[in-house]
N, C-alpha and C. Protein backbone atom coordinates (compact mmCIF):
# COMPACT_ATOMS: atom_id res chain seq x y z
N MET A 1 -0.32 -34.53 -28.21
CA MET A 1 0.71 -34.46 -29.44
C MET A 1 2.11 -33.90 -28.94
N GLY A 2 2.17 -33.35 -27.68
CA GLY A 2 3.56 -32.96 -27.21
C GLY A 2 4.36 -34.30 -26.64
N ARG A 3 3.56 -35.31 -26.42
CA ARG A 3 4.32 -36.29 -25.84
C ARG A 3 4.96 -37.25 -27.18
N ILE A 4 4.30 -37.16 -28.21
CA ILE A 4 4.74 -37.82 -29.52
C ILE A 4 6.01 -37.16 -29.89
N LYS A 5 5.90 -35.88 -29.79
CA LYS A 5 7.09 -35.12 -30.28
C LYS A 5 8.34 -35.44 -29.31
N GLY A 6 8.09 -35.51 -27.92
CA GLY A 6 9.10 -35.80 -27.05
C GLY A 6 9.58 -37.20 -27.36
N LYS A 7 8.75 -38.23 -27.82
CA LYS A 7 9.20 -39.59 -27.92
C LYS A 7 10.08 -39.61 -29.22
N THR A 8 9.75 -39.01 -30.21
CA THR A 8 10.24 -38.74 -31.41
C THR A 8 11.81 -38.13 -31.09
N ALA A 9 11.82 -37.23 -30.39
CA ALA A 9 13.09 -36.40 -30.23
C ALA A 9 14.11 -37.41 -29.40
N ALA A 10 13.43 -38.40 -28.46
CA ALA A 10 14.25 -39.15 -27.86
C ALA A 10 14.56 -40.41 -28.69
N MET A 11 13.99 -40.70 -29.69
CA MET A 11 14.47 -41.60 -30.66
C MET A 11 15.51 -41.14 -31.68
N ILE A 12 15.44 -39.95 -31.86
CA ILE A 12 16.41 -39.37 -32.75
C ILE A 12 17.81 -39.25 -31.93
N VAL A 13 17.68 -38.89 -30.70
CA VAL A 13 18.87 -38.96 -29.92
C VAL A 13 19.51 -40.33 -29.79
N THR A 14 18.80 -41.15 -29.59
CA THR A 14 19.14 -42.67 -29.52
C THR A 14 19.87 -43.06 -30.80
N ALA A 15 19.14 -42.83 -31.66
CA ALA A 15 19.62 -43.13 -33.18
C ALA A 15 20.92 -42.51 -33.42
N SER A 16 21.05 -41.24 -33.33
CA SER A 16 22.20 -40.49 -33.40
C SER A 16 23.38 -41.07 -32.42
N ALA A 17 22.98 -41.54 -31.45
CA ALA A 17 24.02 -42.16 -30.30
C ALA A 17 24.71 -43.32 -30.99
N LEU A 18 23.67 -44.14 -31.49
CA LEU A 18 24.10 -45.39 -32.36
C LEU A 18 25.05 -45.31 -33.44
N LEU A 19 24.77 -44.14 -34.13
CA LEU A 19 25.24 -43.75 -35.63
C LEU A 19 26.73 -43.45 -35.09
N VAL A 20 26.84 -42.40 -34.14
CA VAL A 20 28.19 -42.02 -33.78
C VAL A 20 28.99 -43.20 -33.42
N ALA A 21 28.58 -44.09 -32.67
CA ALA A 21 29.05 -45.38 -31.87
C ALA A 21 29.63 -46.22 -33.14
N VAL A 22 28.69 -46.39 -34.09
CA VAL A 22 29.04 -47.20 -35.31
C VAL A 22 30.11 -46.63 -36.04
N GLY A 23 30.02 -45.23 -36.37
CA GLY A 23 30.82 -44.35 -36.97
C GLY A 23 32.21 -44.37 -36.45
N ALA A 24 32.25 -44.47 -35.11
CA ALA A 24 33.61 -44.45 -34.32
C ALA A 24 34.30 -45.71 -34.38
N CYS A 25 33.40 -46.75 -34.29
CA CYS A 25 33.97 -48.06 -34.29
C CYS A 25 34.42 -48.37 -35.92
N ALA A 26 33.87 -47.96 -36.78
CA ALA A 26 34.30 -48.31 -38.13
C ALA A 26 35.65 -47.48 -38.47
N ASP A 27 35.95 -46.52 -37.94
CA ASP A 27 37.13 -45.77 -38.17
C ASP A 27 38.45 -46.62 -38.06
N ASN A 28 38.56 -47.13 -36.82
CA ASN A 28 39.95 -47.71 -36.48
C ASN A 28 39.65 -49.23 -36.03
N GLY A 29 38.53 -49.75 -36.06
CA GLY A 29 38.29 -51.08 -35.83
C GLY A 29 38.24 -51.30 -34.20
N GLY A 30 38.40 -50.47 -33.47
CA GLY A 30 38.16 -50.74 -31.89
C GLY A 30 37.68 -49.52 -31.19
N THR A 31 37.74 -49.73 -30.01
CA THR A 31 37.03 -48.53 -29.12
C THR A 31 38.14 -47.97 -28.44
N SER A 32 38.33 -46.74 -28.94
CA SER A 32 39.25 -45.93 -28.45
C SER A 32 38.67 -45.06 -27.15
N GLU A 33 39.49 -44.28 -26.51
CA GLU A 33 39.16 -43.38 -25.38
C GLU A 33 38.00 -42.25 -26.05
N GLU A 34 38.56 -41.72 -27.26
CA GLU A 34 37.78 -40.80 -27.91
C GLU A 34 36.37 -41.40 -28.42
N THR A 35 36.40 -42.56 -28.72
CA THR A 35 35.14 -43.24 -29.08
C THR A 35 34.28 -43.21 -27.94
N LYS A 36 34.62 -43.68 -27.01
CA LYS A 36 33.97 -43.80 -25.78
C LYS A 36 33.41 -42.33 -25.26
N GLU A 37 34.25 -41.60 -25.36
CA GLU A 37 33.79 -40.06 -25.19
C GLU A 37 32.63 -39.61 -25.89
N ARG A 38 32.67 -40.05 -27.19
CA ARG A 38 31.67 -39.51 -28.10
C ARG A 38 30.42 -40.36 -27.79
N ILE A 39 30.45 -41.55 -27.44
CA ILE A 39 29.35 -42.29 -27.20
C ILE A 39 28.64 -41.80 -25.85
N SER A 40 29.55 -41.60 -24.95
CA SER A 40 29.02 -41.13 -23.76
C SER A 40 28.34 -39.72 -23.83
N SER A 41 29.04 -38.98 -24.62
CA SER A 41 28.48 -37.39 -24.89
C SER A 41 27.19 -37.65 -25.70
N ALA A 42 27.03 -38.44 -26.43
CA ALA A 42 25.89 -38.57 -27.39
C ALA A 42 24.71 -39.13 -26.52
N VAL A 43 25.00 -40.15 -25.62
CA VAL A 43 23.89 -40.74 -25.04
C VAL A 43 23.29 -39.85 -23.99
N THR A 44 24.21 -39.13 -23.26
CA THR A 44 23.81 -38.29 -22.37
C THR A 44 23.39 -36.84 -22.57
N SER A 45 23.75 -36.27 -23.93
CA SER A 45 23.09 -35.03 -24.18
C SER A 45 21.80 -34.98 -24.36
N THR A 46 21.01 -33.90 -24.14
CA THR A 46 19.75 -33.62 -24.12
C THR A 46 19.32 -32.81 -25.38
N PRO A 47 18.43 -33.28 -25.93
CA PRO A 47 18.17 -32.26 -27.30
C PRO A 47 17.41 -30.80 -26.84
N GLU A 48 17.74 -29.81 -27.63
CA GLU A 48 16.97 -28.55 -27.39
C GLU A 48 15.73 -28.63 -27.22
N PRO A 49 15.17 -28.05 -26.18
CA PRO A 49 13.67 -28.03 -25.96
C PRO A 49 12.88 -27.36 -27.22
N GLY A 50 11.89 -28.21 -27.43
CA GLY A 50 10.92 -27.73 -28.62
C GLY A 50 9.94 -26.70 -28.00
N PRO A 51 9.14 -26.27 -28.96
CA PRO A 51 8.14 -25.13 -28.38
C PRO A 51 7.33 -25.66 -27.28
N ALA A 52 6.80 -27.16 -27.48
CA ALA A 52 5.88 -27.68 -26.44
C ALA A 52 6.66 -27.64 -25.06
N GLU A 53 7.97 -28.15 -25.18
CA GLU A 53 8.70 -28.32 -23.80
C GLU A 53 8.84 -26.82 -23.16
N ALA A 54 9.25 -25.91 -24.14
CA ALA A 54 9.33 -24.58 -23.51
C ALA A 54 8.02 -23.98 -23.08
N LEU A 55 6.94 -24.21 -23.59
CA LEU A 55 5.65 -23.76 -23.08
C LEU A 55 5.43 -24.35 -21.77
N ARG A 56 5.53 -25.54 -21.88
CA ARG A 56 5.26 -26.38 -20.37
C ARG A 56 6.01 -25.92 -19.41
N SER A 57 7.42 -25.64 -19.69
CA SER A 57 8.33 -25.25 -18.62
C SER A 57 7.95 -23.80 -18.31
N SER A 58 7.49 -23.00 -19.16
CA SER A 58 7.11 -21.60 -18.75
C SER A 58 5.72 -21.57 -17.94
N VAL A 59 4.88 -22.46 -18.32
CA VAL A 59 3.67 -22.67 -17.60
C VAL A 59 3.84 -23.12 -16.11
N GLN A 60 4.75 -24.19 -16.06
CA GLN A 60 5.27 -24.49 -14.75
C GLN A 60 5.74 -23.63 -13.82
N ALA A 61 6.64 -22.91 -14.43
CA ALA A 61 7.39 -21.74 -13.70
C ALA A 61 6.31 -20.70 -13.16
N THR A 62 5.46 -20.37 -14.12
CA THR A 62 4.35 -19.37 -13.82
C THR A 62 3.44 -19.88 -12.66
N ALA A 63 3.11 -21.15 -12.66
CA ALA A 63 2.17 -21.67 -11.83
C ALA A 63 2.84 -21.99 -10.40
N SER A 64 4.34 -22.17 -10.56
CA SER A 64 4.86 -22.33 -9.17
C SER A 64 4.97 -20.68 -8.61
N GLU A 65 5.29 -19.83 -9.37
CA GLU A 65 5.23 -18.48 -8.70
C GLU A 65 3.86 -18.07 -8.17
N LEU A 66 2.84 -18.47 -9.06
CA LEU A 66 1.46 -18.04 -8.56
C LEU A 66 1.14 -18.68 -7.41
N VAL A 67 1.40 -20.20 -7.15
CA VAL A 67 1.32 -20.85 -5.96
C VAL A 67 1.90 -20.11 -4.77
N SER A 68 3.18 -19.81 -4.82
CA SER A 68 4.02 -18.98 -3.92
C SER A 68 3.45 -17.84 -3.49
N SER A 69 2.81 -17.29 -4.41
CA SER A 69 2.13 -15.78 -4.12
C SER A 69 1.10 -16.03 -3.24
N ILE A 70 0.14 -17.04 -3.86
CA ILE A 70 -1.01 -17.16 -2.91
C ILE A 70 -0.78 -17.74 -1.68
N GLN A 71 0.25 -18.59 -1.44
CA GLN A 71 0.65 -18.96 -0.07
C GLN A 71 0.85 -17.92 0.73
N ALA A 72 1.64 -17.02 0.29
CA ALA A 72 2.22 -15.77 0.98
C ALA A 72 1.16 -14.90 1.43
N THR A 73 -0.03 -14.70 0.43
CA THR A 73 -1.16 -13.82 0.69
C THR A 73 -1.91 -14.42 1.75
N ALA A 74 -2.15 -15.86 1.55
CA ALA A 74 -2.98 -16.63 2.54
C ALA A 74 -2.36 -16.56 3.98
N SER A 75 -1.17 -16.69 4.03
CA SER A 75 -0.40 -16.61 5.29
C SER A 75 -0.68 -15.35 6.11
N SER A 76 -0.43 -14.30 5.25
CA SER A 76 -0.55 -12.94 5.77
C SER A 76 -2.18 -12.81 6.14
N LEU A 77 -3.14 -13.18 5.43
CA LEU A 77 -4.49 -12.99 5.90
C LEU A 77 -4.69 -13.88 7.11
N VAL A 78 -4.17 -14.80 7.35
CA VAL A 78 -4.41 -15.71 8.21
C VAL A 78 -3.86 -15.41 9.75
N SER A 79 -2.60 -14.53 9.35
CA SER A 79 -1.98 -14.01 10.42
C SER A 79 -2.62 -12.80 11.08
N GLY A 80 -3.09 -12.15 10.07
CA GLY A 80 -4.13 -10.82 10.34
C GLY A 80 -5.29 -11.09 10.85
N ILE A 81 -6.13 -12.29 10.60
CA ILE A 81 -7.13 -12.65 11.33
C ILE A 81 -7.30 -12.49 12.68
N GLY A 82 -6.27 -12.96 13.29
CA GLY A 82 -6.08 -12.82 14.82
C GLY A 82 -6.12 -11.43 15.46
N GLU A 83 -5.65 -10.61 14.47
CA GLU A 83 -5.60 -9.22 15.11
C GLU A 83 -6.99 -8.19 14.75
N VAL A 84 -7.95 -8.84 14.06
CA VAL A 84 -9.06 -8.16 13.60
C VAL A 84 -10.07 -8.22 15.04
N TRP A 85 -10.65 -7.26 15.33
CA TRP A 85 -11.73 -7.30 16.37
C TRP A 85 -13.26 -7.99 15.73
N ASP A 86 -13.31 -8.80 16.59
CA ASP A 86 -14.81 -9.59 16.12
C ASP A 86 -15.86 -8.62 16.53
N ASP A 87 -16.52 -8.03 15.92
CA ASP A 87 -17.83 -7.17 16.15
C ASP A 87 -18.86 -7.95 16.86
N ALA A 88 -19.12 -9.11 16.72
CA ALA A 88 -20.05 -9.79 17.37
C ALA A 88 -19.69 -9.95 18.71
N LYS A 89 -18.32 -10.25 19.09
CA LYS A 89 -17.94 -10.52 20.45
C LYS A 89 -17.92 -9.04 21.12
N LEU A 90 -17.60 -8.09 20.46
CA LEU A 90 -17.59 -6.71 20.98
C LEU A 90 -18.98 -6.40 21.47
N SER A 91 -19.92 -6.52 20.56
CA SER A 91 -21.52 -6.15 20.67
C SER A 91 -21.97 -7.04 21.84
N ALA A 92 -21.60 -8.21 22.00
CA ALA A 92 -22.13 -9.00 23.04
C ALA A 92 -21.44 -8.72 24.37
N PHE A 93 -20.29 -8.09 24.48
CA PHE A 93 -19.64 -7.73 25.63
C PHE A 93 -20.34 -6.40 26.09
N VAL A 94 -20.53 -5.57 24.93
CA VAL A 94 -21.24 -4.19 25.43
C VAL A 94 -22.75 -4.57 25.78
N ALA A 95 -23.26 -5.31 25.37
CA ALA A 95 -24.77 -5.61 25.80
C ALA A 95 -24.66 -6.36 27.14
N THR A 96 -23.74 -7.18 27.50
CA THR A 96 -23.65 -7.90 28.76
C THR A 96 -23.37 -6.80 29.72
N PHE A 97 -22.40 -6.02 29.49
CA PHE A 97 -21.72 -4.99 30.33
C PHE A 97 -22.98 -4.17 30.70
N ARG A 98 -23.78 -3.52 29.72
CA ARG A 98 -24.77 -2.69 30.08
C ARG A 98 -25.71 -3.21 31.02
N THR A 99 -26.01 -4.37 30.87
CA THR A 99 -27.06 -5.19 31.57
C THR A 99 -26.59 -5.58 33.07
N ALA A 100 -25.42 -5.95 33.16
CA ALA A 100 -24.87 -6.28 34.52
C ALA A 100 -24.31 -5.07 35.51
N TYR A 101 -24.01 -3.87 34.62
CA TYR A 101 -23.29 -2.88 35.46
C TYR A 101 -23.93 -1.62 34.78
N PRO A 102 -25.26 -1.37 35.06
CA PRO A 102 -25.80 -0.10 34.78
C PRO A 102 -25.06 1.11 35.23
N SER A 103 -24.62 1.35 36.45
CA SER A 103 -23.97 2.49 36.79
C SER A 103 -22.64 2.63 36.31
N LEU A 104 -22.17 1.49 35.61
CA LEU A 104 -20.63 1.92 34.97
C LEU A 104 -21.13 2.23 33.44
N SER A 105 -22.21 1.85 33.05
CA SER A 105 -22.53 2.12 31.51
C SER A 105 -23.24 3.13 31.15
N SER A 106 -23.90 3.78 32.24
CA SER A 106 -25.08 5.00 31.97
C SER A 106 -23.98 6.18 31.37
N ASP A 107 -24.83 6.65 30.20
CA ASP A 107 -24.09 7.69 29.61
C ASP A 107 -22.73 7.64 28.98
N ARG A 108 -22.65 6.39 28.48
CA ARG A 108 -21.65 5.88 27.74
C ARG A 108 -21.89 5.45 26.47
N ASP A 109 -21.04 5.82 25.49
CA ASP A 109 -21.53 5.23 24.13
C ASP A 109 -20.77 3.73 23.94
N ASP A 110 -21.19 3.06 22.91
CA ASP A 110 -20.60 1.64 22.97
C ASP A 110 -19.12 1.73 22.64
N GLU A 111 -18.63 2.75 21.92
CA GLU A 111 -17.21 2.65 21.70
C GLU A 111 -16.28 2.88 23.20
N SER A 112 -16.99 3.56 24.05
CA SER A 112 -16.22 3.85 25.21
C SER A 112 -16.17 2.32 26.04
N ILE A 113 -17.31 1.74 26.01
CA ILE A 113 -17.42 0.23 26.68
C ILE A 113 -16.50 -0.62 25.88
N GLU A 114 -16.32 -0.44 24.51
CA GLU A 114 -15.52 -1.34 23.71
C GLU A 114 -14.13 -1.13 24.05
N SER A 115 -13.74 0.01 24.41
CA SER A 115 -12.30 0.44 24.74
C SER A 115 -11.79 -0.38 26.10
N ILE A 116 -12.86 -0.84 26.91
CA ILE A 116 -12.49 -1.63 28.24
C ILE A 116 -12.05 -2.83 27.55
N VAL A 117 -12.47 -3.46 26.36
CA VAL A 117 -11.89 -4.66 25.85
C VAL A 117 -10.80 -4.41 25.03
N GLN A 118 -10.57 -3.68 24.44
CA GLN A 118 -9.56 -3.16 23.50
C GLN A 118 -8.26 -2.95 24.22
N GLU A 119 -8.17 -2.00 25.17
CA GLU A 119 -7.14 -1.94 26.09
C GLU A 119 -6.83 -2.96 27.04
N THR A 120 -7.71 -3.58 27.44
CA THR A 120 -7.39 -4.79 28.43
C THR A 120 -6.90 -5.92 27.61
N CYS A 121 -7.37 -6.29 26.29
CA CYS A 121 -6.73 -7.14 25.45
C CYS A 121 -5.48 -6.94 25.05
N ALA A 122 -5.26 -5.51 24.91
CA ALA A 122 -3.72 -5.28 24.65
C ALA A 122 -2.82 -5.47 25.85
N ASP A 123 -3.22 -5.52 26.93
CA ASP A 123 -2.37 -5.86 28.11
C ASP A 123 -2.28 -7.15 28.30
N ILE A 124 -3.35 -7.89 27.91
CA ILE A 124 -3.32 -9.39 27.97
C ILE A 124 -2.27 -9.89 27.12
N GLY A 125 -2.09 -9.50 25.83
CA GLY A 125 -1.28 -9.77 24.81
C GLY A 125 0.02 -9.38 25.12
N SER A 126 0.29 -8.39 25.98
CA SER A 126 1.64 -7.94 26.32
C SER A 126 2.19 -8.87 27.69
N GLY A 127 1.36 -9.69 28.09
CA GLY A 127 1.76 -10.55 29.14
C GLY A 127 1.59 -9.97 30.70
N ALA A 128 0.63 -8.96 30.79
CA ALA A 128 0.45 -8.33 32.30
C ALA A 128 -0.18 -9.42 33.12
N SER A 129 0.11 -9.16 34.35
CA SER A 129 -0.19 -9.95 35.40
C SER A 129 -1.62 -9.74 35.72
N THR A 130 -2.30 -10.80 36.31
CA THR A 130 -3.82 -10.45 36.78
C THR A 130 -4.14 -9.12 37.48
N GLU A 131 -3.23 -8.86 38.46
CA GLU A 131 -3.32 -7.62 39.15
C GLU A 131 -3.28 -6.59 38.22
N GLU A 132 -2.34 -6.58 37.26
CA GLU A 132 -2.36 -5.34 36.39
C GLU A 132 -3.59 -5.42 35.40
N LEU A 133 -4.11 -6.28 35.03
CA LEU A 133 -5.27 -6.51 34.18
C LEU A 133 -6.66 -5.99 34.96
N VAL A 134 -6.67 -6.45 36.28
CA VAL A 134 -7.78 -5.78 37.04
C VAL A 134 -7.51 -4.34 37.28
N ALA A 135 -6.56 -4.00 37.52
CA ALA A 135 -6.41 -2.50 37.39
C ALA A 135 -6.81 -1.60 36.32
N LYS A 136 -6.35 -2.31 35.12
CA LYS A 136 -6.65 -1.69 33.78
C LYS A 136 -8.25 -1.83 33.64
N VAL A 137 -8.80 -2.84 33.98
CA VAL A 137 -10.22 -2.79 33.91
C VAL A 137 -10.92 -1.85 34.85
N THR A 138 -10.44 -1.70 36.13
CA THR A 138 -11.10 -0.71 36.99
C THR A 138 -10.74 0.71 36.35
N GLU A 139 -9.60 0.90 35.70
CA GLU A 139 -9.41 2.15 35.17
C GLU A 139 -10.35 2.36 33.92
N THR A 140 -10.34 1.66 33.17
CA THR A 140 -11.27 1.88 31.68
C THR A 140 -12.84 1.61 32.00
N ALA A 141 -13.17 0.91 33.13
CA ALA A 141 -14.71 0.83 33.29
C ALA A 141 -15.22 1.94 34.30
N THR A 142 -14.33 2.66 35.05
CA THR A 142 -14.74 3.71 35.70
C THR A 142 -15.54 4.73 34.99
N ASN A 143 -16.87 5.21 35.47
CA ASN A 143 -17.61 5.94 34.70
C ASN A 143 -18.25 7.22 35.59
N ASN A 144 -17.83 8.33 35.24
CA ASN A 144 -18.33 9.56 35.91
C ASN A 144 -17.82 9.43 37.53
N GLY A 145 -16.80 8.80 37.96
CA GLY A 145 -16.34 8.90 39.17
C GLY A 145 -16.82 7.45 40.00
N THR A 146 -17.61 6.64 39.17
CA THR A 146 -18.10 5.46 39.72
C THR A 146 -17.13 4.44 39.14
N ALA A 147 -16.14 3.68 40.25
CA ALA A 147 -15.48 2.76 39.79
C ALA A 147 -15.80 1.24 40.10
N PRO A 148 -15.68 0.33 39.39
CA PRO A 148 -15.82 -0.98 39.94
C PRO A 148 -15.43 -1.40 41.10
N THR A 149 -16.02 -2.47 41.81
CA THR A 149 -15.29 -2.89 43.04
C THR A 149 -14.33 -4.08 42.38
N GLU A 150 -13.54 -4.32 43.19
CA GLU A 150 -12.56 -5.55 42.69
C GLU A 150 -13.00 -6.71 42.41
N ASP A 151 -14.34 -7.11 43.08
CA ASP A 151 -14.97 -8.41 42.57
C ASP A 151 -15.77 -8.04 41.26
N GLN A 152 -16.27 -6.77 40.83
CA GLN A 152 -16.77 -6.19 39.61
C GLN A 152 -15.59 -6.39 38.56
N ALA A 153 -14.48 -5.83 38.82
CA ALA A 153 -13.41 -5.70 37.93
C ALA A 153 -12.97 -7.14 37.52
N ASN A 154 -12.86 -8.05 38.68
CA ASN A 154 -12.49 -9.42 38.15
C ASN A 154 -13.50 -9.92 37.23
N ARG A 155 -14.88 -9.77 37.36
CA ARG A 155 -15.61 -10.40 36.75
C ARG A 155 -15.98 -9.78 35.33
N ILE A 156 -15.59 -8.37 35.22
CA ILE A 156 -15.48 -7.94 33.96
C ILE A 156 -14.21 -8.43 33.15
N LEU A 157 -13.22 -8.62 33.79
CA LEU A 157 -12.08 -9.26 33.15
C LEU A 157 -12.46 -10.60 32.65
N GLN A 158 -13.31 -11.31 33.36
CA GLN A 158 -13.86 -12.64 32.91
C GLN A 158 -14.62 -12.48 31.45
N LEU A 159 -15.30 -11.44 31.45
CA LEU A 159 -16.01 -11.12 30.37
C LEU A 159 -15.04 -10.67 29.29
N VAL A 160 -14.02 -9.81 29.34
CA VAL A 160 -13.18 -9.36 28.54
C VAL A 160 -12.54 -10.37 27.70
N ARG A 161 -11.81 -11.45 28.42
CA ARG A 161 -10.91 -12.45 27.92
C ARG A 161 -11.65 -13.28 26.78
N PRO A 162 -12.64 -13.52 26.64
CA PRO A 162 -13.18 -14.28 25.47
C PRO A 162 -13.32 -13.45 24.15
N ALA A 163 -13.69 -12.07 24.66
CA ALA A 163 -13.65 -11.02 23.35
C ALA A 163 -12.31 -10.71 22.70
N CYS A 164 -11.25 -11.05 23.35
CA CYS A 164 -9.96 -10.63 22.67
C CYS A 164 -9.83 -11.44 21.52
N PRO A 165 -9.32 -10.76 20.41
CA PRO A 165 -8.92 -11.52 19.28
C PRO A 165 -7.77 -12.42 19.54
């Protein structure tokens, strides 16, 4: 029904342009600059939007704003996903660490072992060198005076990397 009203409005504008053109030509028998101006103005003018056009325009504007809002929200969620710790990866690291290094994991709670991953990943993210990362692993994996060997620290670092967000 809105399309019919739009076609009707277009027909009215066209008919009005023709009437203006015929009326202008009848006044002085020729096509003066004023007549050309009237014809051009009548043909290029647009009618006032009706209720259907106004509603459609409003819906389009609202939809456009909604899409922009959704895109912005999705973008922030996607960028935040990388910063969230994956509980499955942390749990796998803790289980592997406890199995492989019983002397470094005895009397430690899971959060203490998870901190090895979290602190080392922070250093990885800031661009620390391998030597600095091994030192961080050695520091955070040390348990009650028992420190990992350099070889153990390197292996623990290999376990840490895939657990980083």
